[in-house]
Amino acid sequence: MFVLGVRFAQYLNGVSELHGRVARRMWSHAWPKRSEDEIPITHVTNGVHVPTWISYEFALLFERYLGPDWSISPWKKDISKRIEEIYNEELWRAHEMNRSRLIRTCRELMKQQYQRRNAPKAVMDEVEAVLDQDILTIGFARRFASYKRAYLLLMDPERLEAIITSKTHPVQFIFSGKAHPKDREGKDLIRQLILFSQKKGVRHRFIFLENYDPHIARHLIQGADVWLNTPRRPYEACGTSGMKAALNGVLNISTLDGWWAEGYSESTGWCIGNGEEYSDHKYQDAVESQALYNILENDVIPLFYERKNGDLPLQWIKMMKAAMKMAMLRFSSHKMVENYGKRFYLPAASRMRGLVENEAAEAKRLSRQLDRLKAHWDNIQIKSPVMNSKDPLHTGATVHVTAEVHLGQLMPHEVSVDIYYGPLKTVETLQTSNTEKMTVKEDRGNGNYVYGCDLTLNRTGRYGFTCRVTPQGDDWVKFTPGLVTWAIP
């Protein structure tokens, strides 16, 4: 289905920067002989509808400090920067109200869960008192697919239990989500969480909410202090729950996957690892679970409980404001739709008009051009580029590069001949690739040409060079699969 879509699409995109990169790698075979970084798949990162997910208390604060029209253009800098003007006391009290509502909702839902099981009165009384109003609350709620690794927090249960039951800096966890009915591994993850939540020492601070839905999601992303996400990089396409949480001042802890690879900064939350990708998943789980515990123990928990002279957690509130600004400025659906419009929809509409006017003259021309290119492309040959200097070059030096090209029946205006170069990563691959357009320097007749260009080297190190021929035209023609010829070594 992807390949079918590609053949009918002018624009292709992933839903985050990392997803675009992964998609180029996954589907590079659909454009044979193209380098991975030139696969025509770009990205527009997803966004969330701010007014839908912001809490009632925060909406009132925004209306007062950001202005009555804040929800119309939340991505504008002059609006989001006013978050700094919100008094710390007001912001924290509003957040505490959100947390209180979350806990009250959790108690009601837990009561309903145990009533369905006909639990005895003693158990019901205990269930109605789960969670505490004033301690650090961490939320985890999403689809329970195995790559999201809900089990990562459980890999050292004794260490986790010590975090939860601390007498001075306690922590509570709220989990929710659903697995596909046929996903046994996902359902087993839920079973593990529920079994741990039933341990006597932690069951009042570690709960799992059944029947996950938007109602539960809204309370969690508004009322938690921290939003936990542990996907195995690079399996998360984007993820939006963390965006919704950040809008409400909830700080994220996540691997650098999906949107968090773009949104993370030290001022807005925490990252698990540094974006590494492992081939050994068991080793990855072991490393990143320990990293998660370390972040909780050494960074998150101390910061939340840092209250000088009984004051507010000022550094935590500073991070809340930074997270809210980041989410509004970069990850609102308003910004996303604007990007789609400017980069894809409006150009596509304009191009459509150009293709169909004058009885589709431009569309017919493109069709003829493509048929001609396909008919004669196999006759193209190009030799390796030759530099006019064999001496070592210094940074900033300019060299003249030439290449002999046989185009057969095709004409120079129908193709583009480029030098393809960059610093070497290995003997056969470039660290970064660059292209420079070559022009005809000599017509030798019978479809033979000498192309050349001047090339300035702006970096030190060993360079790799080659050249290629691609079609001249718009992206639809230029990236037609199979229409690329590389130099013969």
Protein backbone atom coordinates (compact mmCIF):
# COMPACT_ATOMS: atom_id res chain seq x y z
CA MET A 1 0.00 0.00 0.00
CA PHE A 2 2.89 2.37 0.72
CA VAL A 3 4.39 1.85 -2.73
CA LEU A 4 0.97 2.36 -4.33
CA GLY A 5 0.59 5.61 -2.41
CA VAL A 6 4.07 6.75 -3.43
CA ARG A 7 3.26 6.35 -7.10
CA PHE A 8 0.24 8.67 -6.76
CA ALA A 9 1.70 11.23 -4.34
CA GLN A 10 3.65 14.41 -4.93
CA TYR A 11 4.64 14.83 -1.27
CA LEU A 12 5.63 12.19 1.29
CA ASN A 13 6.14 12.79 5.00
CA GLY A 14 6.62 11.14 8.36
CA VAL A 15 5.01 12.49 11.52
CA SER A 16 8.21 13.49 13.34
CA GLU A 17 11.77 14.27 12.36
CA LEU A 18 13.00 10.86 13.54
CA HIS A 19 10.07 9.10 11.86
CA GLY A 20 10.98 10.76 8.56
CA ARG A 21 14.56 9.52 8.94
CA VAL A 22 13.40 5.98 9.76
CA ALA A 23 10.94 6.00 6.86
CA ARG A 24 13.71 6.98 4.44
CA ARG A 25 15.75 4.02 5.68
CA MET A 26 12.81 1.60 5.60
CA TRP A 27 11.67 2.48 2.09
CA SER A 28 14.97 3.22 0.37
CA HIS A 29 14.46 0.12 -1.79
CA ALA A 30 11.51 1.87 -3.46
CA TRP A 31 14.05 4.30 -4.99
CA PRO A 32 16.87 1.99 -6.12
CA LYS A 33 20.35 3.52 -6.43
CA ARG A 34 19.32 6.61 -4.43
CA SER A 35 21.31 7.50 -1.34
CA GLU A 36 19.28 7.25 1.85
CA ASP A 37 19.46 10.95 2.69
CA GLU A 38 17.94 11.80 -0.72
CA ILE A 39 14.88 9.57 -0.45
CA PRO A 40 12.01 12.07 -0.99
CA ILE A 41 10.33 11.57 2.39
CA THR A 42 10.29 14.59 4.67
CA HIS A 43 8.39 15.16 7.93
CA VAL A 44 5.81 17.30 9.66
CA THR A 45 5.68 16.61 13.37
CA ASN A 46 2.23 15.94 14.82
CA GLY A 47 0.57 18.44 17.12
CA VAL A 48 -2.31 18.45 19.59
CA HIS A 49 -5.37 20.69 19.85
CA VAL A 50 -4.51 22.86 22.84
CA PRO A 51 -8.03 23.95 23.96
CA THR A 52 -9.22 20.32 23.98
CA TRP A 53 -6.55 19.03 26.36
CA ILE A 54 -5.81 21.99 28.63
CA SER A 55 -7.30 21.76 32.12
CA TYR A 56 -10.10 24.08 33.22
CA GLU A 57 -7.86 25.77 35.82
CA PHE A 58 -5.09 26.38 33.33
CA ALA A 59 -7.54 27.65 30.71
CA LEU A 60 -8.64 30.33 33.20
CA LEU A 61 -5.02 31.25 33.89
CA PHE A 62 -4.27 31.47 30.17
CA GLU A 63 -7.30 33.65 29.54
CA ARG A 64 -6.17 36.05 32.23
CA TYR A 65 -2.43 36.16 31.45
CA LEU A 66 -2.20 35.24 27.77
CA GLY A 67 -5.31 37.06 26.62
CA PRO A 68 -8.84 36.00 25.56
CA ASP A 69 -7.66 34.92 22.08
CA TRP A 70 -4.82 32.67 23.25
CA SER A 71 -6.53 29.50 21.98
CA ILE A 72 -6.75 30.81 18.40
CA SER A 73 -3.00 31.23 17.89
CA PRO A 74 -1.22 29.36 20.70
CA TRP A 75 1.95 28.84 18.63
CA LYS A 76 2.72 32.56 18.34
CA LYS A 77 5.76 33.61 20.36
CA ASP A 78 4.19 36.79 21.72
CA ILE A 79 1.43 34.65 23.27
CA SER A 80 3.41 31.71 24.63
CA LYS A 81 6.10 33.91 26.19
CA ARG A 82 3.44 35.44 28.49
CA ILE A 83 3.41 32.16 30.43
CA GLU A 84 6.41 33.56 32.28
CA GLU A 85 4.14 36.26 33.70
CA ILE A 86 1.91 33.77 35.55
CA TYR A 87 2.56 33.98 39.28
CA ASN A 88 4.27 30.88 40.61
CA GLU A 89 1.72 30.55 43.41
CA GLU A 90 -1.23 30.64 41.01
CA LEU A 91 0.33 28.14 38.65
CA TRP A 92 1.18 25.71 41.44
CA ARG A 93 -2.23 25.96 43.08
CA ALA A 94 -3.90 25.30 39.74
CA HIS A 95 -1.65 22.29 39.23
CA GLU A 96 -2.43 21.00 42.72
CA MET A 97 -6.12 21.29 41.89
CA ASN A 98 -5.53 19.20 38.77
CA ARG A 99 -3.69 16.58 40.82
CA SER A 100 -6.47 16.49 43.43
CA ARG A 101 -9.06 15.96 40.71
CA LEU A 102 -6.95 13.14 39.25
CA ILE A 103 -6.68 11.38 42.59
CA ARG A 104 -10.39 11.73 43.31
CA THR A 105 -11.18 10.31 39.87
CA CYS A 106 -8.74 7.44 40.40
CA ARG A 107 -10.43 6.52 43.69
CA GLU A 108 -13.85 6.50 42.05
CA LEU A 109 -12.61 4.34 39.18
CA MET A 110 -10.80 1.92 41.50
CA LYS A 111 -13.98 1.59 43.56
CA GLN A 112 -15.92 0.69 40.40
CA GLN A 113 -13.25 -1.83 39.38
CA TYR A 114 -13.44 -3.69 42.69
CA GLN A 115 -17.23 -3.50 42.87
CA ARG A 116 -17.34 -5.42 39.58
CA ARG A 117 -15.33 -8.14 41.34
CA ASN A 118 -17.58 -8.16 44.44
CA ALA A 119 -14.63 -7.30 46.65
CA PRO A 120 -15.20 -7.47 50.46
CA LYS A 121 -15.87 -4.29 52.45
CA ALA A 122 -12.38 -4.18 53.96
CA VAL A 123 -10.84 -4.16 50.49
CA MET A 124 -13.33 -1.53 49.28
CA ASP A 125 -12.45 0.75 52.19
CA GLU A 126 -8.77 0.45 51.33
CA VAL A 127 -9.38 1.08 47.64
CA GLU A 128 -11.29 4.27 48.36
CA ALA A 129 -8.19 5.69 50.07
CA VAL A 130 -5.55 4.92 47.41
CA LEU A 131 -3.00 7.59 46.49
CA ASP A 132 -2.00 10.70 48.41
CA GLN A 133 -2.81 14.30 47.59
CA ASP A 134 0.62 15.85 48.04
CA ILE A 135 3.26 13.43 46.81
CA LEU A 136 5.03 13.13 43.47
CA THR A 137 2.64 11.52 40.97
CA ILE A 138 3.90 9.81 37.82
CA GLY A 139 1.53 8.81 35.02
CA PHE A 140 1.91 6.20 32.28
CA ALA A 141 -1.04 5.67 29.94
CA ARG A 142 -1.06 4.47 26.34
CA ARG A 143 -1.59 1.52 24.06
CA PHE A 144 0.15 -1.50 25.56
CA ALA A 145 2.30 -2.56 22.63
CA SER A 146 5.48 -4.43 23.54
CA TYR A 147 7.82 -1.80 22.04
CA LYS A 148 6.45 0.79 24.48
CA ARG A 149 8.05 -1.27 27.28
CA ALA A 150 5.71 -0.69 30.20
CA TYR A 151 7.79 -3.33 31.99
CA LEU A 152 10.93 -1.17 32.07
CA LEU A 153 9.98 0.27 35.45
CA LEU A 154 9.52 -3.23 36.91
CA MET A 155 12.93 -4.64 36.02
CA ASP A 156 14.29 -3.99 39.53
CA PRO A 157 11.17 -4.37 41.71
CA GLU A 158 13.04 -3.94 45.01
CA ARG A 159 14.52 -0.65 43.88
CA LEU A 160 11.13 0.49 42.62
CA GLU A 161 9.47 -0.45 45.89
CA ALA A 162 12.07 1.56 47.80
CA ILE A 163 11.29 4.60 45.63
CA ILE A 164 7.56 4.23 46.25
CA THR A 165 7.73 3.70 50.01
CA SER A 166 10.33 6.34 50.87
CA LYS A 167 9.39 8.03 54.15
CA THR A 168 10.78 11.42 53.15
CA HIS A 169 10.31 11.55 49.36
CA PRO A 170 7.54 9.10 48.39
CA VAL A 171 6.34 8.57 44.83
CA GLN A 172 3.09 7.19 43.42
CA PHE A 173 2.42 5.70 39.98
CA ILE A 174 -0.79 5.60 37.95
CA PHE A 175 -0.93 3.27 34.95
CA SER A 176 -3.66 2.84 32.37
CA GLY A 177 -4.05 1.57 28.84
CA LYS A 178 -5.27 -1.22 26.63
CA ALA A 179 -3.68 -3.99 24.58
CA HIS A 180 -5.02 -5.37 21.33
CA PRO A 181 -7.22 -8.42 22.09
CA LYS A 182 -4.87 -10.65 20.09
CA ASP A 183 -1.66 -9.13 21.48
CA ARG A 184 -0.68 -11.67 24.14
CA GLU A 185 2.56 -9.91 24.92
CA GLY A 186 0.78 -6.60 25.47
CA LYS A 187 -1.81 -8.23 27.74
CA ASP A 188 1.01 -9.89 29.69
CA LEU A 189 2.54 -6.46 30.35
CA ILE A 190 -0.73 -5.34 31.94
CA ARG A 191 -0.80 -8.53 34.01
CA GLN A 192 2.71 -7.81 35.34
CA LEU A 193 1.72 -4.30 36.38
CA ILE A 194 -1.44 -5.50 38.13
CA LEU A 195 0.45 -8.23 40.00
CA PHE A 196 2.97 -5.68 41.25
CA SER A 197 0.18 -3.26 42.22
CA GLN A 198 -1.28 -5.94 44.51
CA LYS A 199 1.82 -6.14 46.70
CA LYS A 200 0.94 -5.11 50.21
CA GLY A 201 3.66 -2.48 50.59
CA VAL A 202 2.87 -0.54 47.41
CA ARG A 203 -0.77 -1.09 46.53
CA HIS A 204 -1.94 2.27 47.88
CA ARG A 205 0.63 4.09 45.69
CA PHE A 206 0.78 1.97 42.55
CA ILE A 207 -2.47 1.45 40.64
CA PHE A 208 -3.74 0.35 37.25
CA LEU A 209 -6.93 1.90 35.85
CA GLU A 210 -9.02 -0.33 33.61
CA ASN A 211 -11.05 0.69 30.54
CA TYR A 212 -8.69 3.42 29.40
CA ASP A 213 -10.53 6.13 27.45
CA PRO A 214 -10.31 9.90 26.76
CA HIS A 215 -11.91 10.64 30.13
CA ILE A 216 -9.12 8.87 32.00
CA ALA A 217 -6.49 10.26 29.62
CA ARG A 218 -7.62 13.83 30.19
CA HIS A 219 -7.38 13.53 33.98
CA LEU A 220 -3.97 11.86 33.79
CA ILE A 221 -2.28 14.30 31.43
CA GLN A 222 -3.69 17.23 33.42
CA GLY A 223 -3.07 15.99 36.96
CA ALA A 224 0.19 14.03 36.96
CA ASP A 225 3.45 15.70 37.92
CA VAL A 226 5.53 13.59 35.55
CA TRP A 227 4.63 11.82 32.30
CA LEU A 228 6.61 8.62 31.75
CA ASN A 229 7.25 7.16 28.28
CA THR A 230 9.67 4.33 27.55
CA PRO A 231 9.44 3.33 23.84
CA ARG A 232 12.25 1.42 22.22
CA ARG A 233 13.94 3.87 19.85
CA PRO A 234 13.21 4.25 16.95
CA TYR A 235 9.84 2.43 17.04
CA GLU A 236 7.70 5.39 18.18
CA ALA A 237 6.49 7.34 15.14
CA CYS A 238 5.56 10.43 17.14
CA GLY A 239 3.38 10.01 20.24
CA THR A 240 1.19 12.87 21.38
CA SER A 241 0.28 12.13 25.01
CA GLY A 242 3.52 13.74 26.17
CA MET A 243 2.63 16.90 24.24
CA LYS A 244 -0.75 17.06 25.97
CA ALA A 245 0.93 16.57 29.34
CA ALA A 246 3.51 19.27 28.68
CA LEU A 247 0.74 21.76 27.83
CA ASN A 248 -0.51 21.24 31.38
CA GLY A 249 2.91 21.75 32.94
CA VAL A 250 3.57 18.02 33.37
CA LEU A 251 7.26 17.21 32.91
CA ASN A 252 8.25 14.36 30.58
CA ILE A 253 10.67 11.51 31.17
CA SER A 254 11.19 9.56 27.97
CA THR A 255 13.65 7.91 25.67
CA LEU A 256 14.66 10.17 22.79
CA ASP A 257 12.09 8.71 20.43
CA GLY A 258 9.20 10.18 18.46
CA TRP A 259 8.40 13.79 19.25
CA TRP A 260 10.59 13.87 22.38
CA ALA A 261 13.72 13.63 20.20
CA GLU A 262 12.74 17.16 19.07
CA GLY A 263 11.07 18.50 22.20
CA TYR A 264 13.58 17.48 24.83
CA SER A 265 15.84 19.98 26.52
CA GLU A 266 17.26 20.09 30.03
CA SER A 267 14.81 22.85 30.86
CA THR A 268 11.68 20.91 29.86
CA GLY A 269 12.18 17.39 31.23
CA TRP A 270 14.49 14.39 31.25
CA CYS A 271 15.72 11.87 28.69
CA ILE A 272 16.53 8.19 29.18
CA GLY A 273 19.80 7.60 27.33
CA ASN A 274 21.19 9.76 24.57
CA GLY A 275 19.36 8.43 21.55
CA GLU A 276 21.30 5.19 21.20
CA GLU A 277 19.86 2.36 19.11
CA TYR A 278 20.72 -1.18 20.20
CA SER A 279 20.67 -4.48 18.33
CA ASP A 280 20.59 -6.42 21.63
CA HIS A 281 17.20 -5.58 23.14
CA LYS A 282 17.80 -7.34 26.45
CA TYR A 283 20.96 -5.36 26.98
CA GLN A 284 19.12 -2.17 26.00
CA ASP A 285 16.38 -2.86 28.53
CA ALA A 286 18.93 -3.49 31.28
CA VAL A 287 20.84 -0.27 30.54
CA GLU A 288 17.81 1.97 30.13
CA SER A 289 15.92 0.62 33.14
CA GLN A 290 18.88 1.50 35.35
CA ALA A 291 19.09 4.90 33.68
CA LEU A 292 15.40 5.44 34.50
CA TYR A 293 15.87 4.58 38.17
CA ASN A 294 18.90 6.88 38.34
CA ILE A 295 16.97 9.78 36.83
CA LEU A 296 14.12 9.30 39.28
CA GLU A 297 16.38 9.00 42.34
CA ASN A 298 18.98 11.62 41.48
CA ASP A 299 17.09 14.25 39.51
CA VAL A 300 13.29 14.08 39.48
CA ILE A 301 12.44 13.23 43.10
CA PRO A 302 14.93 15.64 44.76
CA LEU A 303 13.82 18.47 42.49
CA PHE A 304 10.12 17.95 43.24
CA TYR A 305 10.71 17.99 47.00
CA GLU A 306 13.18 20.88 46.96
CA ARG A 307 11.21 23.42 49.01
CA LYS A 308 13.34 25.88 50.90
CA ASN A 309 11.73 27.03 54.13
CA GLY A 310 8.48 25.34 53.13
CA ASP A 311 8.22 27.42 49.98
CA LEU A 312 7.10 26.25 46.55
CA PRO A 313 9.32 24.00 44.36
CA LEU A 314 10.53 27.00 42.38
CA GLN A 315 12.90 25.16 40.05
CA TRP A 316 10.17 22.61 39.25
CA ILE A 317 7.72 25.42 38.44
CA LYS A 318 10.35 27.02 36.19
CA MET A 319 10.56 23.76 34.24
CA MET A 320 6.75 23.57 34.10
CA LYS A 321 6.61 26.96 32.42
CA ALA A 322 9.37 26.00 29.97
CA ALA A 323 7.53 22.78 29.06
CA MET A 324 4.25 24.63 28.52
CA LYS A 325 5.90 27.20 26.26
CA MET A 326 7.69 24.51 24.30
CA ALA A 327 4.50 22.52 23.70
CA MET A 328 2.41 25.53 22.70
CA LEU A 329 5.06 27.01 20.46
CA ARG A 330 6.13 23.87 18.61
CA PHE A 331 3.58 21.08 19.04
CA SER A 332 0.09 22.55 18.66
CA SER A 333 -2.24 21.26 15.95
CA HIS A 334 -2.53 24.86 14.73
CA LYS A 335 1.21 24.86 13.95
CA MET A 336 1.00 21.39 12.38
CA VAL A 337 -1.85 22.37 10.04
CA GLU A 338 -0.03 25.56 9.10
CA ASN A 339 3.04 23.49 8.15
CA TYR A 340 0.98 21.06 6.06
CA GLY A 341 -0.71 23.96 4.32
CA LYS A 342 2.43 25.92 3.48
CA ARG A 343 4.60 22.96 2.53
CA PHE A 344 2.12 20.58 0.88
CA TYR A 345 -1.54 21.55 0.39
CA LEU A 346 -1.14 25.05 -1.07
CA PRO A 347 1.74 24.08 -3.41
CA ALA A 348 -0.21 20.97 -4.45
CA ALA A 349 -3.31 23.02 -5.22
CA SER A 350 -1.26 25.50 -7.23
CA ARG A 351 0.48 22.69 -9.09
CA MET A 352 -2.85 21.05 -9.83
CA ARG A 353 -4.16 24.21 -11.44
CA GLY A 354 -1.03 24.43 -13.56
CA LEU A 355 -1.33 20.82 -14.69
CA VAL A 356 -4.95 20.99 -15.86
CA GLU A 357 -5.11 24.43 -17.48
CA ASN A 358 -5.11 24.69 -21.28
CA GLU A 359 -6.65 21.23 -21.57
CA ALA A 360 -3.98 19.70 -19.31
CA ALA A 361 -1.12 20.80 -21.53
CA GLU A 362 1.47 20.65 -18.73
CA ALA A 363 0.32 17.19 -17.58
CA LYS A 364 0.59 15.89 -21.16
CA ARG A 365 4.07 17.39 -21.50
CA LEU A 366 5.22 15.70 -18.29
CA SER A 367 3.81 12.38 -19.44
CA ARG A 368 5.66 12.62 -22.74
CA GLN A 369 8.84 13.67 -20.96
CA LEU A 370 8.69 10.71 -18.60
CA ASP A 371 8.00 8.25 -21.43
CA ARG A 372 11.00 9.59 -23.35
CA LEU A 373 13.28 9.39 -20.29
CA LYS A 374 12.26 5.80 -19.55
CA ALA A 375 12.77 4.77 -23.18
CA HIS A 376 16.36 6.08 -23.43
CA TRP A 377 17.64 6.06 -19.86
CA ASP A 378 19.46 2.72 -20.07
CA ASN A 379 21.80 4.15 -22.74
CA ILE A 380 23.28 6.73 -20.34
CA GLN A 381 26.88 6.19 -19.22
CA ILE A 382 29.06 8.39 -17.05
CA LYS A 383 32.73 8.00 -16.13
CA SER A 384 34.28 8.76 -12.75
CA PRO A 385 35.04 12.45 -12.13
CA VAL A 386 38.57 13.76 -12.65
CA MET A 387 40.13 16.57 -10.59
CA ASN A 388 42.66 18.99 -12.06
CA SER A 389 44.90 18.68 -8.97
CA LYS A 390 46.57 15.62 -7.46
CA ASP A 391 48.32 17.55 -4.68
CA PRO A 392 46.96 17.64 -1.09
CA LEU A 393 44.36 20.36 -0.75
CA HIS A 394 43.89 22.85 2.08
CA THR A 395 40.58 24.00 3.54
CA GLY A 396 38.88 26.50 1.27
CA ALA A 397 40.72 25.34 -1.83
CA THR A 398 38.84 25.28 -5.14
CA VAL A 399 39.33 22.46 -7.63
CA HIS A 400 37.96 21.95 -11.12
CA VAL A 401 36.20 18.62 -11.65
CA THR A 402 35.22 17.13 -15.02
CA ALA A 403 33.39 13.99 -16.11
CA GLU A 404 32.70 12.36 -19.49
CA VAL A 405 29.00 11.59 -20.07
CA HIS A 406 27.23 9.65 -22.83
CA LEU A 407 23.55 10.67 -23.04
CA GLY A 408 22.60 8.76 -26.20
CA GLN A 409 19.34 10.15 -27.59
CA LEU A 410 18.73 12.44 -24.62
CA MET A 411 19.72 16.11 -24.61
CA PRO A 412 21.60 18.01 -21.87
CA HIS A 413 18.53 20.08 -20.98
CA GLU A 414 16.64 16.85 -20.15
CA VAL A 415 19.05 15.68 -17.46
CA SER A 416 20.99 16.97 -14.50
CA VAL A 417 24.62 15.92 -13.99
CA ASP A 418 25.90 16.41 -10.44
CA ILE A 419 29.11 15.85 -8.56
CA TYR A 420 28.31 13.92 -5.37
CA TYR A 421 30.86 14.34 -2.59
CA GLY A 422 31.51 14.58 1.14
CA PRO A 423 33.85 13.59 3.99
CA LEU A 424 34.39 9.83 4.14
CA LYS A 425 32.78 7.82 6.93
CA THR A 426 34.10 4.51 5.62
CA VAL A 427 35.84 3.54 2.41
CA GLU A 428 32.46 3.20 0.66
CA THR A 429 30.18 5.63 2.52
CA LEU A 430 30.09 9.36 3.11
CA GLN A 431 29.64 10.99 6.50
CA THR A 432 27.54 13.74 4.94
CA SER A 433 26.67 14.12 1.27
CA ASN A 434 26.70 17.24 -0.88
CA THR A 435 25.89 17.84 -4.53
CA GLU A 436 27.13 20.43 -7.00
CA LYS A 437 25.52 20.88 -10.41
CA MET A 438 27.84 20.35 -13.39
CA THR A 439 27.43 22.09 -16.73
CA VAL A 440 28.38 21.14 -20.29
CA LYS A 441 31.94 22.22 -21.09
CA GLU A 442 32.34 20.39 -24.41
CA ASP A 443 30.04 18.68 -26.92
CA ARG A 444 31.99 15.82 -28.56
CA GLY A 445 29.11 14.69 -30.78
CA ASN A 446 27.12 11.45 -30.96
CA GLY A 447 25.60 12.11 -27.51
CA ASN A 448 29.01 12.49 -25.79
CA TYR A 449 29.66 15.45 -23.53
CA VAL A 450 32.23 16.70 -21.04
CA TYR A 451 30.67 18.20 -17.90
CA GLY A 452 32.53 20.23 -15.31
CA CYS A 453 32.26 22.46 -12.25
CA ASP A 454 34.37 24.22 -9.65
CA LEU A 455 34.25 22.72 -6.18
CA THR A 456 35.26 24.47 -2.95
CA LEU A 457 36.19 22.23 -0.02
CA ASN A 458 35.17 23.84 3.26
CA ARG A 459 36.11 21.00 5.63
CA THR A 460 39.28 19.11 6.43
CA GLY A 461 39.65 15.35 6.11
CA ARG A 462 39.44 12.70 3.42
CA TYR A 463 36.74 13.24 0.80
CA GLY A 464 34.90 10.84 -1.46
CA PHE A 465 33.78 11.86 -4.96
CA THR A 466 31.55 10.44 -7.62
CA CYS A 467 29.00 11.81 -10.08
CA ARG A 468 25.61 10.86 -11.42
CA VAL A 469 22.89 11.67 -13.92
CA THR A 470 19.28 12.30 -12.85
CA PRO A 471 16.25 13.64 -14.76
CA GLN A 472 15.70 17.36 -15.09
CA GLY A 473 12.24 18.45 -13.99
CA ASP A 474 9.93 18.68 -11.00
CA ASP A 475 10.15 16.28 -8.05
CA TRP A 476 7.68 13.85 -9.64
CA VAL A 477 10.02 13.38 -12.59
CA LYS A 478 13.27 13.84 -10.71
CA PHE A 479 12.56 11.10 -8.18
CA THR A 480 10.98 8.58 -10.54
CA PRO A 481 12.34 5.22 -9.29
CA GLY A 482 15.08 3.81 -11.49
CA LEU A 483 16.00 7.06 -13.24
CA VAL A 484 19.46 7.59 -11.80
CA THR A 485 22.83 6.53 -13.24
CA TRP A 486 26.04 6.62 -11.22
CA ALA A 487 29.58 6.93 -12.52
CA ILE A 488 31.37 3.74 -13.56
CA PRO A 489 34.44 3.29 -11.31
